[in-house]
Amino acid sequence: MNRKTKLTLRFALVLIVIGFADQTILSVFNSLCSSERIPMAAPAASFPAKVEKTMYKGWNAYRLSNGLVTLYVAPDIGGRAIQMQLGDQDYFFVNKDLAGKVLPAEQNNLQAGWANYGGDKVWPGPEGWSNDDQWQSVPYYILDGSKFESEITSNNSGEVAVKVTSPKDPRTGVQFVRTYHVYANTTRIKVDQVMRNISKRPVRWGVWHLIQNDAADANDPSKPNPELYMYVPLNPKSQHPGGYYVMFGDVRHPSYQVVDDGRMLKIQYLYRVGKIGADSSAGWYAVVNGQKNIGFVENFKFFPGMEYPDNSSVESWNDGPGIISRGPFDQVLADDPKKTPYFFESEGMSPYADLAPGEEYSYPISWSPAAVTNPVRGTVPVGIISEPFSAKVDGPNVKLRGTFGVYIPGSLVANFYNVMGEEIAHENLQAVDPREVVKVDKTVKLPAQTFRVSIRLLDNSGENRGWLGNVVLKK
């Protein structure tokens, strides 16, 4: 141990004794640590999880939150998550005409019309009207509009969870159980989804889950949002020509554009009815509201070789005017935002589950909200990539750039490696917060012998939570 390191440790002991009271001494200690490249974690910011019973727009609800993200779960209206928030920004469509209302079955059926409250929901798939192996779609009171049983299943500062259980549905033979989890210090929300056969016959369904995203203009709600997009990675071995197919609406619908050399389907919300399906194998899709600079990623597991309803793992629906064929009948959607509201559905489908009486099937998913900008070029476990990380050598320096959304508060660090993979230096870049778009645009000194550079996210306890990008330098 050299003299400078011994001095550093002595300063540390002194500071522990005096409780870090003297900021001058603290700055000296930080300087010593920096010169020795001894990492010093930032003070831990606390974002503990908590759950409480409350009201949301007149409905009884559970509020699951951690200071970063909030989820409102409303058991009385189909056991749905009625709203998700990042900070104070809303994601989900909520039908203001039904706010606080809990309609009975006689007001939520084919004759009376669908009581579409909004939020998220889970249904059996596939949809259809030609045989008993297809679900007749909404309005469907038992699974979409009835009161679900509910209970808090976890309640501590690290994790809170609420479970909602649907009534038993004799027609489909299933019951759905969903558990929503919110964790400390991250925006990631896990949703456990269980489909149970409650009948005395074998049943075969997929778990069809969807979110109705708010698609109204943030500045003028009487208009649709022109900057709401969904990004679906296309399966390079897709069974569909072009990687996806149009299920409903015009086959030349202008919402759909294949980008990134055929690797990504970019869907723009337009107030014009349309639906697509894709056998996406990447295990994620993203939705971004460019007006608010917020988005989220849904993660799921893809099962190659298994049969999916609609031959799709991901689907989308533009709610808007138009005429579509439902097979045995045509459906007309009015050009009227009161009757055809501004919402955009991002949807996921599990493979078919063949269930004997009493058996159940689990298909968990997760949502990870973040502040982010269009477009989405990819995702990593800690965030969303809008502008991929780049590093350009400029004489003795290197210019680092990138734009991201992150799920965990903390800091970004650039790590420099030699050709043998040895870390030779690191550079603290900036603090990051999931509620703010992360823009990296810095020029730093390039350490000698650098072969590649990567950036990683450290949480507020100094733990490496993952990488946002890596570049092999060209000099």
Protein backbone atom coordinates (compact mmCIF):
# COMPACT_ATOMS: atom_id res chain seq x y z
CA MET A 1 0.00 0.00 0.00
CA ASN A 2 1.58 3.30 -1.05
CA ARG A 3 1.72 6.46 1.07
CA LYS A 4 -1.10 8.19 -0.88
CA THR A 5 -3.46 5.23 -0.46
CA LYS A 6 -2.72 5.09 3.28
CA LEU A 7 -3.48 8.82 3.52
CA THR A 8 -6.76 8.27 1.69
CA LEU A 9 -7.84 5.56 4.14
CA ARG A 10 -6.88 7.71 7.12
CA PHE A 11 -9.01 10.55 5.75
CA ALA A 12 -11.88 8.06 5.39
CA LEU A 13 -11.66 7.04 9.04
CA VAL A 14 -11.54 10.66 10.17
CA LEU A 15 -14.62 11.48 8.09
CA ILE A 16 -16.56 8.57 9.54
CA VAL A 17 -15.79 9.83 13.04
CA ILE A 18 -16.85 13.43 12.38
CA GLY A 19 -19.91 12.43 10.33
CA PHE A 20 -18.84 14.18 7.09
CA ALA A 21 -19.55 17.53 8.71
CA ASP A 22 -16.79 19.54 7.08
CA GLN A 23 -17.44 19.99 3.35
CA THR A 24 -13.88 21.24 2.76
CA ILE A 25 -12.39 18.02 4.11
CA LEU A 26 -14.95 16.03 2.12
CA SER A 27 -13.90 17.71 -1.13
CA VAL A 28 -10.25 16.87 -0.39
CA PHE A 29 -11.22 13.24 0.22
CA ASN A 30 -13.14 13.09 -3.05
CA SER A 31 -10.13 14.48 -4.87
CA LEU A 32 -7.90 11.79 -3.42
CA CYS A 33 -10.37 9.09 -4.35
CA SER A 34 -10.58 10.44 -7.87
CA SER A 35 -6.86 10.54 -8.37
CA GLU A 36 -6.60 6.94 -7.13
CA ARG A 37 -9.68 5.97 -9.23
CA ILE A 38 -11.38 4.62 -6.12
CA PRO A 39 -15.12 4.51 -6.92
CA MET A 40 -17.31 6.40 -4.48
CA ALA A 41 -21.03 5.75 -4.69
CA ALA A 42 -23.46 8.64 -4.67
CA PRO A 43 -25.74 8.93 -1.63
CA ALA A 44 -28.58 6.44 -2.06
CA ALA A 45 -31.80 8.05 -3.25
CA SER A 46 -34.77 6.23 -1.80
CA PHE A 47 -37.72 5.27 -3.97
CA PRO A 48 -39.50 2.76 -1.70
CA ALA A 49 -42.54 0.87 -2.92
CA LYS A 50 -45.88 1.41 -1.25
CA VAL A 51 -49.53 0.45 -1.77
CA GLU A 52 -52.69 2.12 -0.53
CA LYS A 53 -56.40 2.06 -1.15
CA THR A 54 -57.64 5.25 -2.74
CA MET A 55 -59.99 6.66 -5.37
CA TYR A 56 -59.10 7.26 -9.00
CA LYS A 57 -61.53 9.43 -11.00
CA GLY A 58 -64.38 8.18 -8.82
CA TRP A 59 -63.45 4.46 -8.86
CA ASN A 60 -62.21 2.47 -5.89
CA ALA A 61 -58.57 1.71 -6.64
CA TYR A 62 -55.28 0.46 -5.32
CA ARG A 63 -52.39 2.87 -5.80
CA LEU A 64 -49.04 1.12 -6.23
CA SER A 65 -46.16 3.59 -6.38
CA ASN A 66 -42.50 4.25 -5.60
CA GLY A 67 -41.99 7.96 -6.37
CA LEU A 68 -41.01 7.21 -9.96
CA VAL A 69 -43.95 5.24 -11.33
CA THR A 70 -47.55 4.86 -10.21
CA LEU A 71 -50.12 2.22 -11.14
CA TYR A 72 -53.84 2.46 -10.33
CA VAL A 73 -55.70 -0.88 -10.25
CA ALA A 74 -59.51 -0.76 -10.24
CA PRO A 75 -61.07 -4.13 -9.23
CA ASP A 76 -64.69 -3.02 -9.70
CA ILE A 77 -64.38 -2.46 -13.48
CA GLY A 78 -62.87 -5.68 -14.76
CA GLY A 79 -59.84 -5.80 -12.46
CA ARG A 80 -57.86 -3.59 -14.77
CA ALA A 81 -54.92 -1.27 -14.33
CA ILE A 82 -56.85 1.87 -15.22
CA GLN A 83 -53.81 4.19 -15.31
CA MET A 84 -50.01 4.09 -15.35
CA GLN A 85 -47.97 7.21 -14.64
CA LEU A 86 -44.32 8.20 -14.90
CA GLY A 87 -43.96 11.09 -12.51
CA ASP A 88 -47.16 13.03 -13.22
CA GLN A 89 -47.50 11.93 -16.86
CA ASP A 90 -50.40 9.63 -17.80
CA TYR A 91 -50.07 6.78 -20.30
CA PHE A 92 -53.42 5.01 -20.56
CA PHE A 93 -56.65 6.09 -22.21
CA VAL A 94 -59.41 6.60 -19.62
CA ASN A 95 -62.96 7.10 -20.85
CA LYS A 96 -63.97 10.36 -19.17
CA ASP A 97 -67.64 9.74 -20.01
CA LEU A 98 -67.56 6.66 -17.77
CA ALA A 99 -65.34 8.09 -15.02
CA GLY A 100 -66.50 6.80 -11.63
CA LYS A 101 -69.28 4.69 -13.14
CA VAL A 102 -69.60 0.94 -12.52
CA LEU A 103 -72.19 -0.27 -14.99
CA PRO A 104 -74.15 -3.51 -14.42
CA ALA A 105 -74.44 -6.27 -17.02
CA GLU A 106 -77.72 -4.89 -18.37
CA GLN A 107 -75.87 -1.69 -19.37
CA ASN A 108 -72.76 -3.41 -20.73
CA ASN A 109 -73.79 -5.89 -23.42
CA LEU A 110 -74.41 -6.24 -27.14
CA GLN A 111 -77.77 -4.48 -26.97
CA ALA A 112 -76.76 -1.63 -24.64
CA GLY A 113 -73.21 -1.21 -26.02
CA TRP A 114 -69.71 -1.71 -24.69
CA ALA A 115 -68.72 0.09 -21.50
CA ASN A 116 -65.10 0.66 -22.49
CA TYR A 117 -63.53 2.14 -19.38
CA GLY A 118 -60.00 2.19 -20.85
CA GLY A 119 -56.75 1.10 -19.19
CA ASP A 120 -55.36 -2.38 -19.67
CA LYS A 121 -57.21 -5.69 -19.90
CA VAL A 122 -56.83 -9.41 -20.55
CA TRP A 123 -59.04 -11.57 -22.76
CA PRO A 124 -58.95 -15.07 -24.26
CA GLY A 125 -57.74 -15.30 -27.84
CA PRO A 126 -58.43 -15.65 -30.68
CA GLU A 127 -61.31 -13.32 -31.40
CA GLY A 128 -63.93 -14.62 -33.81
CA TRP A 129 -67.53 -15.48 -34.49
CA SER A 130 -67.48 -18.65 -36.60
CA ASN A 131 -67.14 -21.41 -33.99
CA ASP A 132 -66.84 -22.12 -30.26
CA ASP A 133 -63.05 -22.07 -30.38
CA GLN A 134 -63.18 -18.31 -30.94
CA TRP A 135 -64.03 -15.62 -28.40
CA GLN A 136 -66.90 -13.36 -29.41
CA SER A 137 -65.12 -10.15 -28.28
CA VAL A 138 -66.45 -7.18 -26.33
CA PRO A 139 -68.84 -6.27 -24.90
CA TYR A 140 -68.29 -9.26 -22.62
CA TYR A 141 -69.30 -8.42 -19.10
CA ILE A 142 -67.85 -11.32 -17.06
CA LEU A 143 -64.23 -10.95 -18.17
CA ASP A 144 -64.20 -7.26 -19.12
CA GLY A 145 -66.66 -5.34 -16.99
CA SER A 146 -67.56 -7.24 -13.82
CA LYS A 147 -66.19 -6.82 -10.31
CA PHE A 148 -63.01 -8.82 -9.67
CA GLU A 149 -61.93 -10.12 -6.29
CA SER A 150 -58.81 -8.33 -5.06
CA GLU A 151 -56.17 -8.53 -2.36
CA ILE A 152 -52.78 -7.09 -1.47
CA THR A 153 -50.29 -9.98 -1.72
CA SER A 154 -47.05 -8.11 -0.95
CA ASN A 155 -46.53 -4.94 1.06
CA ASN A 156 -43.00 -3.91 1.95
CA SER A 157 -40.60 -1.17 0.90
CA GLY A 158 -38.95 -3.42 -1.67
CA GLU A 159 -42.09 -4.67 -3.42
CA VAL A 160 -45.84 -4.19 -3.38
CA ALA A 161 -48.33 -6.35 -5.25
CA VAL A 162 -52.09 -6.53 -5.81
CA LYS A 163 -53.88 -9.63 -7.14
CA VAL A 164 -57.19 -9.44 -9.01
CA THR A 165 -59.28 -12.52 -9.86
CA SER A 166 -62.08 -12.59 -12.41
CA PRO A 167 -65.37 -14.43 -11.93
CA LYS A 168 -65.52 -17.89 -13.49
CA ASP A 169 -66.68 -17.70 -17.08
CA PRO A 170 -68.71 -20.78 -18.09
CA ARG A 171 -68.77 -19.95 -21.80
CA THR A 172 -65.00 -19.85 -22.34
CA GLY A 173 -64.33 -22.14 -19.38
CA VAL A 174 -61.63 -19.87 -17.94
CA GLN A 175 -60.85 -17.57 -15.06
CA PHE A 176 -58.08 -14.97 -15.14
CA VAL A 177 -55.84 -14.08 -12.22
CA ARG A 178 -53.49 -11.13 -12.56
CA THR A 179 -50.96 -9.82 -10.04
CA TYR A 180 -49.44 -6.37 -10.50
CA HIS A 181 -46.00 -5.78 -8.92
CA VAL A 182 -44.24 -2.45 -8.32
CA TYR A 183 -40.67 -2.49 -6.96
CA ALA A 184 -38.41 0.00 -5.20
CA ASN A 185 -35.98 2.13 -7.22
CA THR A 186 -37.13 1.10 -10.71
CA THR A 187 -39.96 1.86 -13.11
CA ARG A 188 -40.30 -1.80 -14.11
CA ILE A 189 -43.77 -3.20 -13.40
CA LYS A 190 -44.33 -6.95 -13.54
CA VAL A 191 -47.75 -8.37 -14.39
CA ASP A 192 -48.27 -12.05 -13.61
CA GLN A 193 -51.08 -13.46 -15.74
CA VAL A 194 -52.67 -16.83 -15.05
CA MET A 195 -55.44 -18.45 -17.10
CA ARG A 196 -57.23 -21.24 -15.25
CA ASN A 197 -59.59 -23.89 -16.67
CA ILE A 198 -62.56 -23.83 -14.30
CA SER A 199 -64.76 -26.07 -16.49
CA LYS A 200 -65.13 -29.86 -16.75
CA ARG A 201 -63.96 -29.89 -20.38
CA PRO A 202 -60.58 -29.29 -22.04
CA VAL A 203 -60.12 -25.71 -23.29
CA ARG A 204 -57.65 -24.12 -25.69
CA TRP A 205 -57.01 -20.37 -25.59
CA GLY A 206 -54.21 -17.86 -25.72
CA VAL A 207 -53.75 -15.10 -23.15
CA TRP A 208 -54.53 -11.87 -24.99
CA HIS A 209 -53.47 -8.76 -23.09
CA LEU A 210 -53.70 -5.18 -24.30
CA ILE A 211 -53.20 -1.57 -23.29
CA GLN A 212 -55.36 1.26 -24.56
CA ASN A 213 -52.85 4.08 -24.91
CA ASP A 214 -54.09 7.65 -24.74
CA ALA A 215 -53.99 8.88 -28.34
CA ALA A 216 -55.43 12.38 -27.93
CA ASP A 217 -53.30 15.41 -28.74
CA ALA A 218 -51.63 16.59 -25.52
CA ASN A 219 -52.21 20.23 -26.47
CA ASP A 220 -55.67 19.92 -28.02
CA PRO A 221 -57.58 16.79 -26.87
CA SER A 222 -60.17 17.36 -29.60
CA LYS A 223 -57.56 16.12 -32.09
CA PRO A 224 -55.52 12.89 -32.42
CA ASN A 225 -51.88 12.81 -31.38
CA PRO A 226 -49.65 12.87 -34.50
CA GLU A 227 -46.57 11.78 -32.53
CA LEU A 228 -47.76 8.51 -30.99
CA TYR A 229 -45.81 5.53 -32.33
CA MET A 230 -45.39 1.82 -31.67
CA TYR A 231 -42.20 -0.08 -32.56
CA VAL A 232 -42.31 -3.82 -33.22
CA PRO A 233 -39.10 -5.75 -34.09
CA LEU A 234 -39.88 -8.04 -37.02
CA ASN A 235 -39.07 -11.73 -37.02
CA PRO A 236 -36.32 -12.44 -39.61
CA LYS A 237 -37.92 -15.88 -40.10
CA SER A 238 -41.49 -14.59 -40.15
CA GLN A 239 -44.27 -16.64 -41.67
CA HIS A 240 -45.81 -13.38 -42.91
CA PRO A 241 -44.50 -11.70 -46.07
CA GLY A 242 -42.81 -8.54 -44.90
CA GLY A 243 -42.91 -9.69 -41.26
CA TYR A 244 -46.49 -8.69 -40.46
CA TYR A 245 -49.99 -8.68 -41.95
CA VAL A 246 -52.99 -6.37 -41.94
CA MET A 247 -55.83 -8.05 -40.04
CA PHE A 248 -58.41 -5.27 -40.37
CA GLY A 249 -58.55 -2.11 -42.46
CA ASP A 250 -56.90 -0.97 -45.65
CA VAL A 251 -53.92 -3.13 -46.69
CA ARG A 252 -52.31 0.15 -47.80
CA HIS A 253 -53.01 1.79 -44.44
CA PRO A 254 -50.52 4.68 -44.06
CA SER A 255 -49.90 3.93 -40.35
CA TYR A 256 -47.46 1.12 -41.10
CA GLN A 257 -43.85 1.59 -42.20
CA VAL A 258 -40.99 -0.92 -42.20
CA VAL A 259 -37.72 0.77 -41.18
CA ASP A 260 -34.14 -0.05 -40.12
CA ASP A 261 -33.44 -2.19 -43.20
CA GLY A 262 -36.53 -4.31 -42.68
CA ARG A 263 -35.91 -5.04 -39.01
CA MET A 264 -38.56 -2.82 -37.41
CA LEU A 265 -42.25 -2.09 -37.97
CA LYS A 266 -42.99 1.52 -37.09
CA ILE A 267 -46.67 2.19 -36.48
CA GLN A 268 -48.02 5.73 -36.30
CA TYR A 269 -51.38 6.30 -34.69
CA LEU A 270 -53.73 7.79 -37.26
CA TYR A 271 -57.41 8.32 -36.66
CA ARG A 272 -58.34 5.62 -39.12
CA VAL A 273 -59.30 2.07 -38.21
CA GLY A 274 -56.70 -0.62 -38.73
CA LYS A 275 -55.14 -3.63 -37.06
CA ILE A 276 -51.97 -5.63 -37.72
CA GLY A 277 -50.47 -8.83 -36.38
CA ALA A 278 -46.79 -9.83 -36.27
CA ASP A 279 -45.00 -12.99 -35.15
CA SER A 280 -42.35 -10.85 -33.47
CA SER A 281 -39.64 -12.97 -31.86
CA ALA A 282 -37.59 -10.29 -30.06
CA GLY A 283 -39.64 -10.42 -26.85
CA TRP A 284 -40.45 -6.72 -26.70
CA TYR A 285 -42.32 -3.85 -28.26
CA ALA A 286 -42.28 -0.13 -27.42
CA VAL A 287 -44.82 2.69 -27.47
CA VAL A 288 -43.66 6.34 -27.46
CA ASN A 289 -45.71 9.52 -27.08
CA GLY A 290 -43.49 12.08 -28.78
CA GLN A 291 -45.54 15.03 -27.54
CA LYS A 292 -44.88 14.11 -23.92
CA ASN A 293 -41.48 12.45 -24.51
CA ILE A 294 -42.57 9.38 -22.58
CA GLY A 295 -42.77 5.74 -23.56
CA PHE A 296 -42.66 2.22 -22.26
CA VAL A 297 -41.39 -1.19 -23.26
CA GLU A 298 -43.43 -4.35 -22.79
CA ASN A 299 -41.31 -7.47 -22.41
CA PHE A 300 -42.63 -10.98 -22.96
CA LYS A 301 -41.29 -14.44 -23.78
CA PHE A 302 -41.56 -15.69 -27.35
CA PHE A 303 -41.89 -19.44 -27.95
CA PRO A 304 -40.51 -20.49 -31.37
CA GLY A 305 -42.36 -23.34 -33.01
CA MET A 306 -45.50 -22.96 -30.89
CA GLU A 307 -48.86 -22.05 -32.40
CA TYR A 308 -50.22 -18.58 -31.63
CA PRO A 309 -53.76 -17.26 -32.06
CA ASP A 310 -53.85 -15.07 -35.18
CA ASN A 311 -50.30 -16.37 -35.86
CA SER A 312 -49.15 -13.31 -33.92
CA SER A 313 -47.30 -12.54 -30.71
CA VAL A 314 -47.83 -8.76 -31.05
CA GLU A 315 -50.78 -6.84 -32.47
CA SER A 316 -51.94 -3.23 -32.67
CA TRP A 317 -55.28 -1.51 -33.15
CA ASN A 318 -55.93 2.03 -34.39
CA ASP A 319 -59.26 3.18 -33.00
CA GLY A 320 -60.71 5.37 -35.70
CA PRO A 321 -63.46 5.65 -38.30
CA GLY A 322 -63.96 3.13 -41.07
CA ILE A 323 -65.62 -0.12 -42.06
CA ILE A 324 -64.00 -3.48 -41.30
CA SER A 325 -65.09 -7.03 -41.98
CA ARG A 326 -65.55 -9.23 -38.93
CA GLY A 327 -66.24 -12.26 -41.12
CA PRO A 328 -69.96 -12.87 -40.76
CA PHE A 329 -70.69 -9.14 -40.43
CA ASP A 330 -69.22 -5.71 -41.12
CA GLN A 331 -68.46 -3.25 -38.34
CA VAL A 332 -68.83 0.47 -38.92
CA LEU A 333 -66.87 2.86 -36.69
CA ALA A 334 -68.18 6.42 -36.74
CA ASP A 335 -66.06 9.47 -37.54
CA ASP A 336 -66.93 10.91 -34.13
CA PRO A 337 -64.47 11.04 -31.19
CA LYS A 338 -67.38 10.65 -28.76
CA LYS A 339 -68.33 7.31 -30.29
CA THR A 340 -64.88 6.34 -31.57
CA PRO A 341 -62.41 7.82 -29.06
CA TYR A 342 -58.73 8.51 -29.59
CA PHE A 343 -56.95 5.42 -28.31
CA PHE A 344 -54.31 3.11 -29.67
CA GLU A 345 -54.07 -0.50 -28.54
CA SER A 346 -50.73 -2.21 -28.09
CA GLU A 347 -51.46 -5.90 -27.73
CA GLY A 348 -49.62 -9.11 -26.90
CA MET A 349 -50.66 -12.71 -27.36
CA SER A 350 -49.40 -15.89 -25.73
CA PRO A 351 -49.19 -19.22 -27.54
CA TYR A 352 -52.22 -21.49 -27.31
CA ALA A 353 -52.49 -23.24 -23.96
CA ASP A 354 -54.25 -26.62 -23.93
CA LEU A 355 -55.71 -26.97 -20.44
CA ALA A 356 -57.41 -29.96 -18.89
CA PRO A 357 -59.99 -29.27 -16.18
CA GLY A 358 -58.30 -27.63 -13.20
CA GLU A 359 -55.06 -26.84 -15.07
CA GLU A 360 -53.68 -23.32 -15.42
CA TYR A 361 -51.23 -21.49 -17.65
CA SER A 362 -48.94 -18.62 -16.65
CA TYR A 363 -47.84 -15.90 -19.08
CA PRO A 364 -46.06 -13.05 -17.24
CA ILE A 365 -45.19 -9.74 -18.88
CA SER A 366 -43.54 -6.52 -17.72
CA TRP A 367 -43.89 -2.81 -18.48
CA SER A 368 -40.94 -0.43 -18.17
CA PRO A 369 -41.85 3.26 -18.51
CA ALA A 370 -39.24 5.95 -19.18
CA ALA A 371 -38.84 9.45 -20.56
CA VAL A 372 -37.78 8.87 -24.16
CA THR A 373 -37.98 10.38 -27.64
CA ASN A 374 -38.91 9.01 -31.05
CA PRO A 375 -37.66 6.90 -32.72
CA VAL A 376 -36.87 3.68 -30.85
CA ARG A 377 -33.89 1.84 -32.30
CA GLY A 378 -33.66 -0.90 -29.69
CA THR A 379 -33.82 -1.82 -26.04
CA VAL A 380 -31.49 -3.19 -23.37
CA PRO A 381 -32.35 -4.41 -19.85
CA VAL A 382 -31.77 -0.95 -18.34
CA GLY A 383 -33.37 1.25 -20.96
CA ILE A 384 -34.59 2.31 -24.38
CA ILE A 385 -32.28 3.39 -27.19
CA SER A 386 -33.36 6.32 -29.38
CA GLU A 387 -29.94 7.38 -30.70
CA PRO A 388 -27.45 4.50 -30.41
CA PHE A 389 -24.27 5.17 -28.48
CA SER A 390 -21.40 6.45 -30.63
CA ALA A 391 -17.79 7.33 -29.89
CA LYS A 392 -15.69 9.35 -32.36
CA VAL A 393 -11.98 9.92 -31.89
CA ASP A 394 -10.88 13.55 -32.22
CA GLY A 395 -7.13 13.85 -31.68
CA PRO A 396 -6.39 13.21 -28.00
CA ASN A 397 -10.11 13.22 -27.17
CA VAL A 398 -13.19 11.14 -27.91
CA LYS A 399 -16.71 12.51 -28.47
CA LEU A 400 -19.46 10.40 -26.84
CA ARG A 401 -23.07 10.69 -28.00
CA GLY A 402 -26.38 8.90 -27.50
CA THR A 403 -30.02 9.37 -26.48
CA PHE A 404 -31.76 7.00 -24.13
CA GLY A 405 -34.58 6.39 -21.70
CA VAL A 406 -33.61 4.62 -18.48
CA TYR A 407 -35.59 2.61 -15.94
CA ILE A 408 -33.34 3.14 -12.91
CA PRO A 409 -32.05 6.37 -11.32
CA GLY A 410 -28.31 6.64 -10.95
CA SER A 411 -25.37 7.73 -13.08
CA LEU A 412 -23.71 6.91 -16.39
CA VAL A 413 -20.05 5.92 -16.53
CA ALA A 414 -17.91 5.50 -19.65
CA ASN A 415 -15.50 2.55 -19.42
CA PHE A 416 -12.38 2.32 -21.57
CA TYR A 417 -10.80 -1.03 -22.43
CA ASN A 418 -7.61 -2.14 -24.18
CA VAL A 419 -7.49 -4.76 -26.88
CA MET A 420 -7.21 -7.53 -24.26
CA GLY A 421 -10.44 -6.47 -22.56
CA GLU A 422 -8.73 -4.90 -19.54
CA GLU A 423 -10.44 -1.80 -18.16
CA ILE A 424 -7.83 0.95 -18.24
CA ALA A 425 -9.94 3.94 -17.21
CA HIS A 426 -13.44 5.17 -16.55
CA GLU A 427 -15.13 8.56 -16.73
CA ASN A 428 -18.20 9.67 -14.80
CA LEU A 429 -20.57 11.25 -17.33
CA GLN A 430 -23.81 12.41 -15.70
CA ALA A 431 -26.66 11.64 -13.33
CA VAL A 432 -29.75 10.01 -14.87
CA ASP A 433 -33.40 9.76 -13.88
CA PRO A 434 -36.19 7.73 -15.55
CA ARG A 435 -38.38 10.85 -15.60
CA GLU A 436 -35.92 12.74 -17.84
CA VAL A 437 -34.67 11.94 -21.35
CA VAL A 438 -30.98 11.02 -21.18
CA LYS A 439 -28.85 12.85 -23.75
CA VAL A 440 -25.14 12.09 -23.80
CA ASP A 441 -23.05 14.64 -25.68
CA LYS A 442 -19.60 14.92 -24.13
CA THR A 443 -16.00 15.14 -25.23
CA VAL A 444 -13.52 13.53 -22.85
CA LYS A 445 -9.81 12.72 -22.90
CA LEU A 446 -9.08 9.43 -24.66
CA PRO A 447 -6.87 7.14 -22.53
CA ALA A 448 -3.86 5.69 -24.32
CA GLN A 449 -4.25 2.13 -25.66
CA THR A 450 -8.06 2.36 -25.77
CA PHE A 451 -9.59 -0.25 -28.09
CA ARG A 452 -13.27 0.12 -27.17
CA VAL A 453 -15.54 2.16 -24.92
CA SER A 454 -18.88 1.32 -23.35
CA ILE A 455 -21.31 3.15 -21.10
CA ARG A 456 -22.96 1.55 -18.11
CA LEU A 457 -25.60 2.62 -15.64
CA LEU A 458 -24.73 2.57 -11.95
CA ASP A 459 -27.64 2.77 -9.53
CA ASN A 460 -27.49 5.07 -6.53
CA SER A 461 -25.73 2.42 -4.45
CA GLY A 462 -22.97 2.09 -7.06
CA GLU A 463 -24.17 -1.24 -8.46
CA ASN A 464 -23.64 -1.89 -12.19
CA ARG A 465 -27.16 -2.41 -13.58
CA GLY A 466 -26.22 -2.88 -17.24
CA TRP A 467 -24.87 -1.34 -20.42
CA LEU A 468 -26.47 1.13 -22.83
CA GLY A 469 -23.94 0.80 -25.63
CA ASN A 470 -20.49 -0.31 -26.79
CA VAL A 471 -18.22 0.98 -29.58
CA VAL A 472 -14.96 -0.35 -31.00
CA LEU A 473 -12.95 2.77 -31.81
CA LYS A 474 -11.70 3.67 -35.26
CA LYS A 475 -8.68 5.92 -35.12
